Amino acid sequence: MYTFDWALFPKAESFLKTELDKFLSMNNSAAALVNEVEQKTSTRIFGWVDHLAVPSDKVDADDLFKLGFQ
């Protein structure tokens, strides 16, 4: 049986958490929902996030590649 070895990318994770935090700091409704979800489920919202859309003028494609994104 083939077992896939999931690599860890701590710098990419940090980047994504920072982008999520930026979004939440600008959106009070989303931040309130996050607080409620985290209190009621004892989970962190980062684990719930499927994807983030970051405007292309806010991030460089080469920087994303260096973080491990393809």
PDB file of N, CA and C in Angstrom:
ATOM      1  N   MET A   1       0.841  -1.183   0.000  1.00  0.00           N
ATOM      2  CA  MET A   1       0.000   0.000   0.000  1.00  0.00           C
ATOM      3  C   MET A   1       0.881   1.239   0.000  1.00  0.00           C
ATOM      4  N   TYR A   2       0.535   2.199  -0.841  1.00  0.00           N
ATOM      5  CA  TYR A   2       1.299   3.444  -0.949  1.00  0.00           C
ATOM      6  C   TYR A   2       0.835   4.424   0.122  1.00  0.00           C
ATOM      7  N   THR A   3       1.775   4.959   0.879  1.00  0.00           N
ATOM      8  CA  THR A   3       1.467   5.950   1.899  1.00  0.00           C
ATOM      9  C   THR A   3       2.067   7.277   1.475  1.00  0.00           C
ATOM     10  N   PHE A   4       1.213   8.270   1.354  1.00  0.00           N
ATOM     11  CA  PHE A   4       1.690   9.598   0.968  1.00  0.00           C
ATOM     12  C   PHE A   4       2.277  10.288   2.182  1.00  0.00           C
ATOM     13  N   ASP A   5       3.431  10.888   2.020  1.00  0.00           N
ATOM     14  CA  ASP A   5       4.098  11.601   3.103  1.00  0.00           C
ATOM     15  C   ASP A   5       3.787  13.090   2.960  1.00  0.00           C
ATOM     16  N   TRP A   6       2.870  13.586   3.795  1.00  0.00           N
ATOM     17  CA  TRP A   6       2.490  14.989   3.752  1.00  0.00           C
ATOM     18  C   TRP A   6       3.620  15.831   4.333  1.00  0.00           C
ATOM     19  N   ALA A   7       4.175  16.703   3.527  1.00  0.00           N
ATOM     20  CA  ALA A   7       5.234  17.600   3.992  1.00  0.00           C
ATOM     21  C   ALA A   7       4.618  18.744   4.793  1.00  0.00           C
ATOM     22  N   LEU A   8       5.386  19.270   5.710  1.00  0.00           N
ATOM     23  CA  LEU A   8       4.958  20.426   6.494  1.00  0.00           C
ATOM     24  C   LEU A   8       5.581  21.683   5.901  1.00  0.00           C
ATOM     25  N   PHE A   9       4.829  22.747   5.895  1.00  0.00           N
ATOM     26  CA  PHE A   9       5.283  24.025   5.371  1.00  0.00           C
ATOM     27  C   PHE A   9       4.961  25.117   6.395  1.00  0.00           C
ATOM     28  N   PRO A  10       5.759  25.210   7.457  1.00  0.00           N
ATOM     29  CA  PRO A  10       5.436  26.161   8.534  1.00  0.00           C
ATOM     30  C   PRO A  10       5.410  27.616   8.080  1.00  0.00           C
ATOM     31  N   LYS A  11       6.246  27.993   7.113  1.00  0.00           N
ATOM     32  CA  LYS A  11       6.238  29.377   6.640  1.00  0.00           C
ATOM     33  C   LYS A  11       4.960  29.663   5.844  1.00  0.00           C
ATOM     34  N   ALA A  12       4.512  28.704   5.066  1.00  0.00           N
ATOM     35  CA  ALA A  12       3.264  28.859   4.322  1.00  0.00           C
ATOM     36  C   ALA A  12       2.088  28.944   5.290  1.00  0.00           C
ATOM     37  N   GLU A  13       2.095  28.109   6.312  1.00  0.00           N
ATOM     38  CA  GLU A  13       1.036  28.140   7.316  1.00  0.00           C
ATOM     39  C   GLU A  13       1.007  29.493   8.020  1.00  0.00           C
ATOM     40  N   SER A  14       2.154  29.993   8.363  1.00  0.00           N
ATOM     41  CA  SER A  14       2.237  31.300   9.006  1.00  0.00           C
ATOM     42  C   SER A  14       1.692  32.399   8.101  1.00  0.00           C
ATOM     43  N   PHE A  15       2.047  32.343   6.825  1.00  0.00           N
ATOM     44  CA  PHE A  15       1.535  33.307   5.855  1.00  0.00           C
ATOM     45  C   PHE A  15       0.007  33.267   5.812  1.00  0.00           C
ATOM     46  N   LEU A  16      -0.566  32.070   5.721  1.00  0.00           N
ATOM     47  CA  LEU A  16      -2.015  31.929   5.638  1.00  0.00           C
ATOM     48  C   LEU A  16      -2.700  32.412   6.917  1.00  0.00           C
ATOM     49  N   LYS A  17      -2.128  32.100   8.059  1.00  0.00           N
ATOM     50  CA  LYS A  17      -2.705  32.570   9.324  1.00  0.00           C
ATOM     51  C   LYS A  17      -2.669  34.092   9.408  1.00  0.00           C
ATOM     52  N   THR A  18      -1.588  34.689   8.930  1.00  0.00           N
ATOM     53  CA  THR A  18      -1.477  36.147   8.929  1.00  0.00           C
ATOM     54  C   THR A  18      -2.534  36.759   8.017  1.00  0.00           C
ATOM     55  N   GLU A  19      -2.734  36.173   6.834  1.00  0.00           N
ATOM     56  CA  GLU A  19      -3.744  36.685   5.911  1.00  0.00           C
ATOM     57  C   GLU A  19      -5.143  36.537   6.495  1.00  0.00           C
ATOM     58  N   LEU A  20      -5.414  35.432   7.151  1.00  0.00           N
ATOM     59  CA  LEU A  20      -6.710  35.232   7.800  1.00  0.00           C
ATOM     60  C   LEU A  20      -6.904  36.258   8.910  1.00  0.00           C
ATOM     61  N   ASP A  21      -5.879  36.488   9.699  1.00  0.00           N
ATOM     62  CA  ASP A  21      -5.961  37.489  10.769  1.00  0.00           C
ATOM     63  C   ASP A  21      -6.212  38.889  10.216  1.00  0.00           C
ATOM     64  N   LYS A  22      -5.584  39.220   9.091  1.00  0.00           N
ATOM     65  CA  LYS A  22      -5.816  40.522   8.447  1.00  0.00           C
ATOM     66  C   LYS A  22      -7.282  40.662   8.063  1.00  0.00           C
ATOM     67  N   PHE A  23      -7.824  39.619   7.449  1.00  0.00           N
ATOM     68  CA  PHE A  23      -9.236  39.641   7.054  1.00  0.00           C
ATOM     69  C   PHE A  23     -10.136  39.838   8.258  1.00  0.00           C
ATOM     70  N   LEU A  24      -9.885  39.066   9.315  1.00  0.00           N
ATOM     71  CA  LEU A  24     -10.742  39.141  10.488  1.00  0.00           C
ATOM     72  C   LEU A  24     -10.640  40.490  11.191  1.00  0.00           C
ATOM     73  N   SER A  25      -9.475  41.126  11.116  1.00  0.00           N
ATOM     74  CA  SER A  25      -9.315  42.444  11.748  1.00  0.00           C
ATOM     75  C   SER A  25     -10.102  43.522  11.003  1.00  0.00           C
ATOM     76  N   MET A  26     -10.464  43.261   9.754  1.00  0.00           N
ATOM     77  CA  MET A  26     -11.212  44.241   8.958  1.00  0.00           C
ATOM     78  C   MET A  26     -12.707  43.905   8.860  1.00  0.00           C
ATOM     79  N   ASN A  27     -13.120  42.765   9.416  1.00  0.00           N
ATOM     80  CA  ASN A  27     -14.502  42.333   9.278  1.00  0.00           C
ATOM     81  C   ASN A  27     -15.036  41.893  10.644  1.00  0.00           C
ATOM     82  N   ASN A  28     -15.716  42.806  11.314  1.00  0.00           N
ATOM     83  CA  ASN A  28     -16.201  42.534  12.671  1.00  0.00           C
ATOM     84  C   ASN A  28     -17.202  41.390  12.722  1.00  0.00           C
ATOM     85  N   SER A  29     -18.046  41.286  11.706  1.00  0.00           N
ATOM     86  CA  SER A  29     -19.040  40.201  11.689  1.00  0.00           C
ATOM     87  C   SER A  29     -18.365  38.838  11.599  1.00  0.00           C
ATOM     88  N   ALA A  30     -17.377  38.735  10.729  1.00  0.00           N
ATOM     89  CA  ALA A  30     -16.642  37.472  10.597  1.00  0.00           C
ATOM     90  C   ALA A  30     -15.884  37.158  11.880  1.00  0.00           C
ATOM     91  N   ALA A  31     -15.284  38.176  12.487  1.00  0.00           N
ATOM     92  CA  ALA A  31     -14.539  37.958  13.734  1.00  0.00           C
ATOM     93  C   ALA A  31     -15.464  37.473  14.843  1.00  0.00           C
ATOM     94  N   ALA A  32     -16.665  38.028  14.903  1.00  0.00           N
ATOM     95  CA  ALA A  32     -17.631  37.592  15.919  1.00  0.00           C
ATOM     96  C   ALA A  32     -18.048  36.149  15.665  1.00  0.00           C
ATOM     97  N   LEU A  33     -18.265  35.801  14.415  1.00  0.00           N
ATOM     98  CA  LEU A  33     -18.620  34.424  14.076  1.00  0.00           C
ATOM     99  C   LEU A  33     -17.495  33.462  14.449  1.00  0.00           C
ATOM    100  N   VAL A  34     -16.263  33.864  14.177  1.00  0.00           N
ATOM    101  CA  VAL A  34     -15.106  33.038  14.531  1.00  0.00           C
ATOM    102  C   VAL A  34     -15.076  32.785  16.032  1.00  0.00           C
ATOM    103  N   ASN A  35     -15.269  33.837  16.813  1.00  0.00           N
ATOM    104  CA  ASN A  35     -15.262  33.674  18.271  1.00  0.00           C
ATOM    105  C   ASN A  35     -16.342  32.699  18.720  1.00  0.00           C
ATOM    106  N   GLU A  36     -17.518  32.816  18.129  1.00  0.00           N
ATOM    107  CA  GLU A  36     -18.614  31.920  18.502  1.00  0.00           C
ATOM    108  C   GLU A  36     -18.309  30.476  18.106  1.00  0.00           C
ATOM    109  N   VAL A  37     -17.831  30.280  16.894  1.00  0.00           N
ATOM    110  CA  VAL A  37     -17.497  28.928  16.426  1.00  0.00           C
ATOM    111  C   VAL A  37     -16.424  28.305  17.317  1.00  0.00           C
ATOM    112  N   GLU A  38     -15.386  29.083  17.603  1.00  0.00           N
ATOM    113  CA  GLU A  38     -14.292  28.539  18.416  1.00  0.00           C
ATOM    114  C   GLU A  38     -14.748  28.209  19.829  1.00  0.00           C
ATOM    115  N   GLN A  39     -15.623  29.056  20.412  1.00  0.00           N
ATOM    116  CA  GLN A  39     -16.131  28.776  21.758  1.00  0.00           C
ATOM    117  C   GLN A  39     -17.017  27.541  21.791  1.00  0.00           C
ATOM    118  N   LYS A  40     -17.877  27.421  20.799  1.00  0.00           N
ATOM    119  CA  LYS A  40     -18.856  26.329  20.811  1.00  0.00           C
ATOM    120  C   LYS A  40     -18.303  24.996  20.335  1.00  0.00           C
ATOM    121  N   THR A  41     -17.209  25.021  19.568  1.00  0.00           N
ATOM    122  CA  THR A  41     -16.690  23.767  19.019  1.00  0.00           C
ATOM    123  C   THR A  41     -15.319  23.385  19.573  1.00  0.00           C
ATOM    124  N   SER A  42     -14.695  24.298  20.292  1.00  0.00           N
ATOM    125  CA  SER A  42     -13.337  24.079  20.810  1.00  0.00           C
ATOM    126  C   SER A  42     -12.351  23.747  19.686  1.00  0.00           C
ATOM    127  N   THR A  43     -12.578  24.361  18.524  1.00  0.00           N
ATOM    128  CA  THR A  43     -11.669  24.215  17.393  1.00  0.00           C
ATOM    129  C   THR A  43     -11.241  25.596  16.929  1.00  0.00           C
ATOM    130  N   ARG A  44     -10.151  25.637  16.208  1.00  0.00           N
ATOM    131  CA  ARG A  44      -9.670  26.907  15.662  1.00  0.00           C
ATOM    132  C   ARG A  44     -10.197  27.080  14.243  1.00  0.00           C
ATOM    133  N   ILE A  45     -10.525  28.305  13.906  1.00  0.00           N
ATOM    134  CA  ILE A  45     -11.117  28.574  12.597  1.00  0.00           C
ATOM    135  C   ILE A  45     -10.158  28.226  11.458  1.00  0.00           C
ATOM    136  N   PHE A  46      -8.876  28.300  11.698  1.00  0.00           N
ATOM    137  CA  PHE A  46      -7.910  27.978  10.645  1.00  0.00           C
ATOM    138  C   PHE A  46      -8.126  26.562  10.105  1.00  0.00           C
ATOM    139  N   GLY A  47      -8.521  25.666  10.976  1.00  0.00           N
ATOM    140  CA  GLY A  47      -8.788  24.295  10.563  1.00  0.00           C
ATOM    141  C   GLY A  47     -10.052  24.150   9.719  1.00  0.00           C
ATOM    142  N   TRP A  48     -10.919  25.133   9.760  1.00  0.00           N
ATOM    143  CA  TRP A  48     -12.163  25.114   9.006  1.00  0.00           C
ATOM    144  C   TRP A  48     -12.000  25.730   7.612  1.00  0.00           C
ATOM    145  N   VAL A  49     -10.987  26.554   7.447  1.00  0.00           N
ATOM    146  CA  VAL A  49     -10.847  27.327   6.208  1.00  0.00           C
ATOM    147  C   VAL A  49     -10.446  26.415   5.061  1.00  0.00           C
ATOM    148  N   ASP A  50     -11.215  26.478   3.990  1.00  0.00           N
ATOM    149  CA  ASP A  50     -10.949  25.688   2.795  1.00  0.00           C
ATOM    150  C   ASP A  50      -9.954  26.386   1.885  1.00  0.00           C
ATOM    151  N   HIS A  51     -10.093  27.676   1.721  1.00  0.00           N
ATOM    152  CA  HIS A  51      -9.160  28.434   0.884  1.00  0.00           C
ATOM    153  C   HIS A  51      -9.240  29.919   1.228  1.00  0.00           C
ATOM    154  N   LEU A  52      -8.217  30.649   0.854  1.00  0.00           N
ATOM    155  CA  LEU A  52      -8.179  32.100   1.006  1.00  0.00           C
ATOM    156  C   LEU A  52      -7.916  32.708  -0.365  1.00  0.00           C
ATOM    157  N   ALA A  53      -8.593  33.793  -0.646  1.00  0.00           N
ATOM    158  CA  ALA A  53      -8.331  34.541  -1.876  1.00  0.00           C
ATOM    159  C   ALA A  53      -7.592  35.814  -1.476  1.00  0.00           C
ATOM    160  N   VAL A  54      -6.376  35.947  -1.945  1.00  0.00           N
ATOM    161  CA  VAL A  54      -5.559  37.118  -1.649  1.00  0.00           C
ATOM    162  C   VAL A  54      -5.373  37.887  -2.956  1.00  0.00           C
ATOM    163  N   PRO A  55      -5.698  39.180  -2.954  1.00  0.00           N
ATOM    164  CA  PRO A  55      -5.540  39.954  -4.192  1.00  0.00           C
ATOM    165  C   PRO A  55      -4.106  39.887  -4.720  1.00  0.00           C
ATOM    166  N   SER A  56      -3.994  39.777  -6.035  1.00  0.00           N
ATOM    167  CA  SER A  56      -2.672  39.618  -6.648  1.00  0.00           C
ATOM    168  C   SER A  56      -1.760  40.819  -6.411  1.00  0.00           C
ATOM    169  N   ASP A  57      -2.346  41.979  -6.142  1.00  0.00           N
ATOM    170  CA  ASP A  57      -1.501  43.145  -5.868  1.00  0.00           C
ATOM    171  C   ASP A  57      -0.997  43.168  -4.425  1.00  0.00           C
ATOM    172  N   LYS A  58      -1.446  42.194  -3.621  1.00  0.00           N
ATOM    173  CA  LYS A  58      -1.024  42.125  -2.215  1.00  0.00           C
ATOM    174  C   LYS A  58       0.022  41.051  -1.948  1.00  0.00           C
ATOM    175  N   VAL A  59       0.289  40.207  -2.937  1.00  0.00           N
ATOM    176  CA  VAL A  59       1.257  39.130  -2.747  1.00  0.00           C
ATOM    177  C   VAL A  59       1.953  38.830  -4.076  1.00  0.00           C
ATOM    178  N   ASP A  60       3.202  38.509  -4.006  1.00  0.00           N
ATOM    179  CA  ASP A  60       4.001  38.218  -5.189  1.00  0.00           C
ATOM    180  C   ASP A  60       4.010  36.706  -5.450  1.00  0.00           C
ATOM    181  N   ALA A  61       3.798  36.334  -6.696  1.00  0.00           N
ATOM    182  CA  ALA A  61       3.764  34.911  -7.053  1.00  0.00           C
ATOM    183  C   ALA A  61       5.074  34.206  -6.710  1.00  0.00           C
ATOM    184  N   ASP A  62       6.189  34.877  -6.884  1.00  0.00           N
ATOM    185  CA  ASP A  62       7.486  34.271  -6.543  1.00  0.00           C
ATOM    186  C   ASP A  62       7.593  34.004  -5.047  1.00  0.00           C
ATOM    187  N   ASP A  63       7.051  34.916  -4.248  1.00  0.00           N
ATOM    188  CA  ASP A  63       7.069  34.714  -2.794  1.00  0.00           C
ATOM    189  C   ASP A  63       6.218  33.503  -2.408  1.00  0.00           C
ATOM    190  N   LEU A  64       5.069  33.348  -3.059  1.00  0.00           N
ATOM    191  CA  LEU A  64       4.224  32.180  -2.792  1.00  0.00           C
ATOM    192  C   LEU A  64       4.940  30.891  -3.158  1.00  0.00           C
ATOM    193  N   PHE A  65       5.627  30.891  -4.283  1.00  0.00           N
ATOM    194  CA  PHE A  65       6.381  29.720  -4.717  1.00  0.00           C
ATOM    195  C   PHE A  65       7.451  29.361  -3.676  1.00  0.00           C
ATOM    196  N   LYS A  66       8.132  30.365  -3.138  1.00  0.00           N
ATOM    197  CA  LYS A  66       9.174  30.135  -2.129  1.00  0.00           C
ATOM    198  C   LYS A  66       8.579  29.547  -0.843  1.00  0.00           C
ATOM    199  N   LEU A  67       7.311  29.852  -0.596  1.00  0.00           N
ATOM    200  CA  LEU A  67       6.638  29.299   0.581  1.00  0.00           C
ATOM    201  C   LEU A  67       6.198  27.854   0.387  1.00  0.00           C
ATOM    202  N   GLY A  68       6.227  27.393  -0.873  1.00  0.00           N
ATOM    203  CA  GLY A  68       5.860  26.007  -1.143  1.00  0.00           C
ATOM    204  C   GLY A  68       4.597  25.850  -1.952  1.00  0.00           C
ATOM    205  N   PHE A  69       3.953  26.964  -2.299  1.00  0.00           N
ATOM    206  CA  PHE A  69       2.751  26.879  -3.125  1.00  0.00           C
ATOM    207  C   PHE A  69       3.143  26.602  -4.573  1.00  0.00           C
ATOM    208  N   GLN A  70       2.273  25.909  -5.277  1.00  0.00           N
ATOM    209  CA  GLN A  70       2.538  25.587  -6.686  1.00  0.00           C
ATOM    210  C   GLN A  70       1.410  26.128  -7.545  1.00  0.00           C
TER     211      GLN A  70
END
